[in-house]
Amino acid sequence: MKKRIGIVSYNIYCNFTNYGSALQSWALCQSIKKIAGNIVEPVLVDYCPEILADK
C-alpha cells in the first residue's frame, strides 16, 4: 500500500479559478511522483473556505 502525501491548495472549487495555483499544484504532484516513484501517491486537496464559497 502506497503512502499518501496531501497537497492543500486554493485551486478550482471556489467561484474563481486560480490558474497559477493549479499549475503549481500539478507541478508539485509531478515532482513528487518523479522523486518518490511508486513509494508515495500525491493527493491534491482543493480547499475553499466558507467565506469564499458564499460569494
PDB file of N, CA and C in Angstrom:
ATOM      1  N   MET A   1       0.830  -1.182   0.000  1.00  0.00           N
ATOM      2  CA  MET A   1       0.000   0.000   0.000  1.00  0.00           C
ATOM      3  C   MET A   1       0.876   1.248   0.000  1.00  0.00           C
ATOM      4  N   LYS A   2       0.571   2.162  -0.902  1.00  0.00           N
ATOM      5  CA  LYS A   2       1.344   3.395  -1.006  1.00  0.00           C
ATOM      6  C   LYS A   2       0.949   4.374   0.093  1.00  0.00           C
ATOM      7  N   LYS A   3       1.931   5.127   0.546  1.00  0.00           N
ATOM      8  CA  LYS A   3       1.638   6.226   1.460  1.00  0.00           C
ATOM      9  C   LYS A   3       1.153   7.407   0.632  1.00  0.00           C
ATOM     10  N   ARG A   4       0.307   8.221   1.211  1.00  0.00           N
ATOM     11  CA  ARG A   4      -0.230   9.380   0.507  1.00  0.00           C
ATOM     12  C   ARG A   4       0.370  10.660   1.063  1.00  0.00           C
ATOM     13  N   ILE A   5       0.639  11.589   0.160  1.00  0.00           N
ATOM     14  CA  ILE A   5       1.092  12.919   0.532  1.00  0.00           C
ATOM     15  C   ILE A   5       0.010  13.891   0.086  1.00  0.00           C
ATOM     16  N   GLY A   6      -0.567  14.625   1.035  1.00  0.00           N
ATOM     17  CA  GLY A   6      -1.633  15.574   0.715  1.00  0.00           C
ATOM     18  C   GLY A   6      -1.072  16.943   0.388  1.00  0.00           C
ATOM     19  N   ILE A   7      -1.573  17.539  -0.677  1.00  0.00           N
ATOM     20  CA  ILE A   7      -1.200  18.890  -1.082  1.00  0.00           C
ATOM     21  C   ILE A   7      -2.466  19.735  -0.995  1.00  0.00           C
ATOM     22  N   VAL A   8      -2.500  20.668  -0.048  1.00  0.00           N
ATOM     23  CA  VAL A   8      -3.675  21.510   0.161  1.00  0.00           C
ATOM     24  C   VAL A   8      -3.438  22.843  -0.528  1.00  0.00           C
ATOM     25  N   SER A   9      -4.397  23.255  -1.368  1.00  0.00           N
ATOM     26  CA  SER A   9      -4.225  24.478  -2.135  1.00  0.00           C
ATOM     27  C   SER A   9      -5.576  25.051  -2.533  1.00  0.00           C
ATOM     28  N   TYR A  10      -5.623  26.355  -2.758  1.00  0.00           N
ATOM     29  CA  TYR A  10      -6.798  27.008  -3.348  1.00  0.00           C
ATOM     30  C   TYR A  10      -6.680  26.833  -4.850  1.00  0.00           C
ATOM     31  N   ASN A  11      -7.547  26.076  -5.472  1.00  0.00           N
ATOM     32  CA  ASN A  11      -7.425  25.854  -6.906  1.00  0.00           C
ATOM     33  C   ASN A  11      -8.678  26.227  -7.672  1.00  0.00           C
ATOM     34  N   ILE A  12      -9.621  25.324  -7.762  1.00  0.00           N
ATOM     35  CA  ILE A  12     -10.715  25.483  -8.711  1.00  0.00           C
ATOM     36  C   ILE A  12     -12.083  25.591  -8.053  1.00  0.00           C
ATOM     37  N   TYR A  13     -12.310  24.985  -6.913  1.00  0.00           N
ATOM     38  CA  TYR A  13     -13.667  24.806  -6.419  1.00  0.00           C
ATOM     39  C   TYR A  13     -14.237  25.971  -5.636  1.00  0.00           C
ATOM     40  N   CYS A  14     -13.750  27.157  -5.863  1.00  0.00           N
ATOM     41  CA  CYS A  14     -14.398  28.360  -5.346  1.00  0.00           C
ATOM     42  C   CYS A  14     -15.085  29.018  -6.541  1.00  0.00           C
ATOM     43  N   ASN A  15     -15.498  30.238  -6.406  1.00  0.00           N
ATOM     44  CA  ASN A  15     -16.186  30.918  -7.503  1.00  0.00           C
ATOM     45  C   ASN A  15     -15.223  31.498  -8.530  1.00  0.00           C
ATOM     46  N   PHE A  16     -13.973  31.193  -8.406  1.00  0.00           N
ATOM     47  CA  PHE A  16     -12.968  31.645  -9.365  1.00  0.00           C
ATOM     48  C   PHE A  16     -11.961  30.524  -9.570  1.00  0.00           C
ATOM     49  N   THR A  17     -11.194  30.621 -10.620  1.00  0.00           N
ATOM     50  CA  THR A  17     -10.154  29.634 -10.884  1.00  0.00           C
ATOM     51  C   THR A  17      -8.801  30.318 -10.778  1.00  0.00           C
ATOM     52  N   ASN A  18      -7.955  29.834  -9.909  1.00  0.00           N
ATOM     53  CA  ASN A  18      -6.615  30.356  -9.738  1.00  0.00           C
ATOM     54  C   ASN A  18      -5.676  29.463 -10.556  1.00  0.00           C
ATOM     55  N   TYR A  19      -5.414  29.869 -11.793  1.00  0.00           N
ATOM     56  CA  TYR A  19      -4.626  29.033 -12.701  1.00  0.00           C
ATOM     57  C   TYR A  19      -3.184  28.871 -12.238  1.00  0.00           C
ATOM     58  N   GLY A  20      -2.618  29.891 -11.622  1.00  0.00           N
ATOM     59  CA  GLY A  20      -1.254  29.788 -11.114  1.00  0.00           C
ATOM     60  C   GLY A  20      -1.145  28.750 -10.011  1.00  0.00           C
ATOM     61  N   SER A  21      -2.114  28.748  -9.132  1.00  0.00           N
ATOM     62  CA  SER A  21      -2.136  27.767  -8.047  1.00  0.00           C
ATOM     63  C   SER A  21      -2.339  26.356  -8.580  1.00  0.00           C
ATOM     64  N   ALA A  22      -3.223  26.218  -9.572  1.00  0.00           N
ATOM     65  CA  ALA A  22      -3.463  24.899 -10.167  1.00  0.00           C
ATOM     66  C   ALA A  22      -2.200  24.371 -10.848  1.00  0.00           C
ATOM     67  N   LEU A  23      -1.489  25.235 -11.548  1.00  0.00           N
ATOM     68  CA  LEU A  23      -0.248  24.831 -12.218  1.00  0.00           C
ATOM     69  C   LEU A  23       0.825  24.450 -11.204  1.00  0.00           C
ATOM     70  N   GLN A  24       0.938  25.223 -10.134  1.00  0.00           N
ATOM     71  CA  GLN A  24       1.920  24.922  -9.100  1.00  0.00           C
ATOM     72  C   GLN A  24       1.610  23.582  -8.429  1.00  0.00           C
ATOM     73  N   SER A  25       0.339  23.324  -8.156  1.00  0.00           N
ATOM     74  CA  SER A  25      -0.059  22.055  -7.543  1.00  0.00           C
ATOM     75  C   SER A  25       0.240  20.879  -8.463  1.00  0.00           C
ATOM     76  N   TRP A  26      -0.065  21.041  -9.735  1.00  0.00           N
ATOM     77  CA  TRP A  26       0.216  19.979 -10.715  1.00  0.00           C
ATOM     78  C   TRP A  26       1.719  19.704 -10.789  1.00  0.00           C
ATOM     79  N   ALA A  27       2.531  20.780 -10.844  1.00  0.00           N
ATOM     80  CA  ALA A  27       3.984  20.615 -10.934  1.00  0.00           C
ATOM     81  C   ALA A  27       4.537  19.927  -9.683  1.00  0.00           C
ATOM     82  N   LEU A  28       4.006  20.274  -8.517  1.00  0.00           N
ATOM     83  CA  LEU A  28       4.452  19.627  -7.285  1.00  0.00           C
ATOM     84  C   LEU A  28       4.093  18.147  -7.290  1.00  0.00           C
ATOM     85  N   CYS A  29       2.894  17.810  -7.761  1.00  0.00           N
ATOM     86  CA  CYS A  29       2.495  16.396  -7.872  1.00  0.00           C
ATOM     87  C   CYS A  29       3.439  15.637  -8.796  1.00  0.00           C
ATOM     88  N   GLN A  30       3.770  16.227  -9.934  1.00  0.00           N
ATOM     89  CA  GLN A  30       4.672  15.580 -10.881  1.00  0.00           C
ATOM     90  C   GLN A  30       6.064  15.391 -10.282  1.00  0.00           C
ATOM     91  N   SER A  31       6.549  16.390  -9.543  1.00  0.00           N
ATOM     92  CA  SER A  31       7.870  16.285  -8.914  1.00  0.00           C
ATOM     93  C   SER A  31       7.899  15.186  -7.856  1.00  0.00           C
ATOM     94  N   ILE A  32       6.842  15.104  -7.063  1.00  0.00           N
ATOM     95  CA  ILE A  32       6.773  14.054  -6.039  1.00  0.00           C
ATOM     96  C   ILE A  32       6.759  12.680  -6.693  1.00  0.00           C
ATOM     97  N   LYS A  33       5.988  12.528  -7.768  1.00  0.00           N
ATOM     98  CA  LYS A  33       5.947  11.246  -8.483  1.00  0.00           C
ATOM     99  C   LYS A  33       7.316  10.883  -9.039  1.00  0.00           C
ATOM    100  N   LYS A  34       8.025  11.878  -9.564  1.00  0.00           N
ATOM    101  CA  LYS A  34       9.335  11.632 -10.169  1.00  0.00           C
ATOM    102  C   LYS A  34      10.375  11.250  -9.106  1.00  0.00           C
ATOM    103  N   ILE A  35      10.353  11.940  -7.980  1.00  0.00           N
ATOM    104  CA  ILE A  35      11.343  11.693  -6.932  1.00  0.00           C
ATOM    105  C   ILE A  35      11.045  10.404  -6.167  1.00  0.00           C
ATOM    106  N   ALA A  36       9.785  10.212  -5.780  1.00  0.00           N
ATOM    107  CA  ALA A  36       9.433   9.091  -4.906  1.00  0.00           C
ATOM    108  C   ALA A  36       9.075   7.824  -5.660  1.00  0.00           C
ATOM    109  N   GLY A  37       8.739   7.943  -6.927  1.00  0.00           N
ATOM    110  CA  GLY A  37       8.389   6.757  -7.700  1.00  0.00           C
ATOM    111  C   GLY A  37       7.112   6.104  -7.210  1.00  0.00           C
ATOM    112  N   ASN A  38       7.178   4.800  -6.961  1.00  0.00           N
ATOM    113  CA  ASN A  38       5.995   4.045  -6.543  1.00  0.00           C
ATOM    114  C   ASN A  38       5.822   3.973  -5.027  1.00  0.00           C
ATOM    115  N   ILE A  39       6.626   4.726  -4.296  1.00  0.00           N
ATOM    116  CA  ILE A  39       6.562   4.660  -2.837  1.00  0.00           C
ATOM    117  C   ILE A  39       5.384   5.468  -2.295  1.00  0.00           C
ATOM    118  N   VAL A  40       5.137   6.647  -2.870  1.00  0.00           N
ATOM    119  CA  VAL A  40       4.073   7.521  -2.372  1.00  0.00           C
ATOM    120  C   VAL A  40       3.129   7.915  -3.501  1.00  0.00           C
ATOM    121  N   GLU A  41       1.948   8.367  -3.101  1.00  0.00           N
ATOM    122  CA  GLU A  41       0.948   8.849  -4.051  1.00  0.00           C
ATOM    123  C   GLU A  41       0.550  10.269  -3.642  1.00  0.00           C
ATOM    124  N   PRO A  42       0.859  11.284  -4.457  1.00  0.00           N
ATOM    125  CA  PRO A  42       0.426  12.643  -4.123  1.00  0.00           C
ATOM    126  C   PRO A  42      -1.083  12.795  -4.337  1.00  0.00           C
ATOM    127  N   VAL A  43      -1.743  13.454  -3.385  1.00  0.00           N
ATOM    128  CA  VAL A  43      -3.186  13.670  -3.451  1.00  0.00           C
ATOM    129  C   VAL A  43      -3.446  15.166  -3.334  1.00  0.00           C
ATOM    130  N   LEU A  44      -4.151  15.725  -4.300  1.00  0.00           N
ATOM    131  CA  LEU A  44      -4.458  17.149  -4.307  1.00  0.00           C
ATOM    132  C   LEU A  44      -5.771  17.397  -3.578  1.00  0.00           C
ATOM    133  N   VAL A  45      -5.734  18.292  -2.596  1.00  0.00           N
ATOM    134  CA  VAL A  45      -6.923  18.655  -1.823  1.00  0.00           C
ATOM    135  C   VAL A  45      -7.242  20.107  -2.145  1.00  0.00           C
ATOM    136  N   ASP A  46      -8.347  20.344  -2.862  1.00  0.00           N
ATOM    137  CA  ASP A  46      -8.767  21.706  -3.186  1.00  0.00           C
ATOM    138  C   ASP A  46      -9.518  22.284  -1.996  1.00  0.00           C
ATOM    139  N   TYR A  47      -8.973  23.330  -1.425  1.00  0.00           N
ATOM    140  CA  TYR A  47      -9.549  23.929  -0.227  1.00  0.00           C
ATOM    141  C   TYR A  47     -10.277  25.204  -0.604  1.00  0.00           C
ATOM    142  N   CYS A  48     -11.502  25.341  -0.167  1.00  0.00           N
ATOM    143  CA  CYS A  48     -12.272  26.564  -0.377  1.00  0.00           C
ATOM    144  C   CYS A  48     -12.963  26.910   0.938  1.00  0.00           C
ATOM    145  N   PRO A  49     -12.501  27.964   1.625  1.00  0.00           N
ATOM    146  CA  PRO A  49     -13.141  28.323   2.888  1.00  0.00           C
ATOM    147  C   PRO A  49     -14.578  28.786   2.664  1.00  0.00           C
ATOM    148  N   GLU A  50     -15.402  28.666   3.688  1.00  0.00           N
ATOM    149  CA  GLU A  50     -16.815  29.014   3.573  1.00  0.00           C
ATOM    150  C   GLU A  50     -17.029  30.463   3.163  1.00  0.00           C
ATOM    151  N   ILE A  51     -16.168  31.349   3.597  1.00  0.00           N
ATOM    152  CA  ILE A  51     -16.337  32.765   3.272  1.00  0.00           C
ATOM    153  C   ILE A  51     -16.198  33.017   1.765  1.00  0.00           C
ATOM    154  N   LEU A  52     -15.379  32.222   1.080  1.00  0.00           N
ATOM    155  CA  LEU A  52     -15.240  32.370  -0.373  1.00  0.00           C
ATOM    156  C   LEU A  52     -16.310  31.599  -1.132  1.00  0.00           C
ATOM    157  N   ALA A  53     -16.826  30.534  -0.563  1.00  0.00           N
ATOM    158  CA  ALA A  53     -17.832  29.721  -1.247  1.00  0.00           C
ATOM    159  C   ALA A  53     -19.167  30.443  -1.357  1.00  0.00           C
ATOM    160  N   ASP A  54     -19.454  31.349  -0.445  1.00  0.00           N
ATOM    161  CA  ASP A  54     -20.732  32.055  -0.447  1.00  0.00           C
ATOM    162  C   ASP A  54     -20.790  33.190  -1.455  1.00  0.00           C
ATOM    163  N   LYS A  55     -19.664  33.641  -1.945  1.00  0.00           N
ATOM    164  CA  LYS A  55     -19.651  34.806  -2.846  1.00  0.00           C
ATOM    165  C   LYS A  55     -19.905  34.423  -4.269  1.00  0.00           C
TER     166      LYS A  55
END
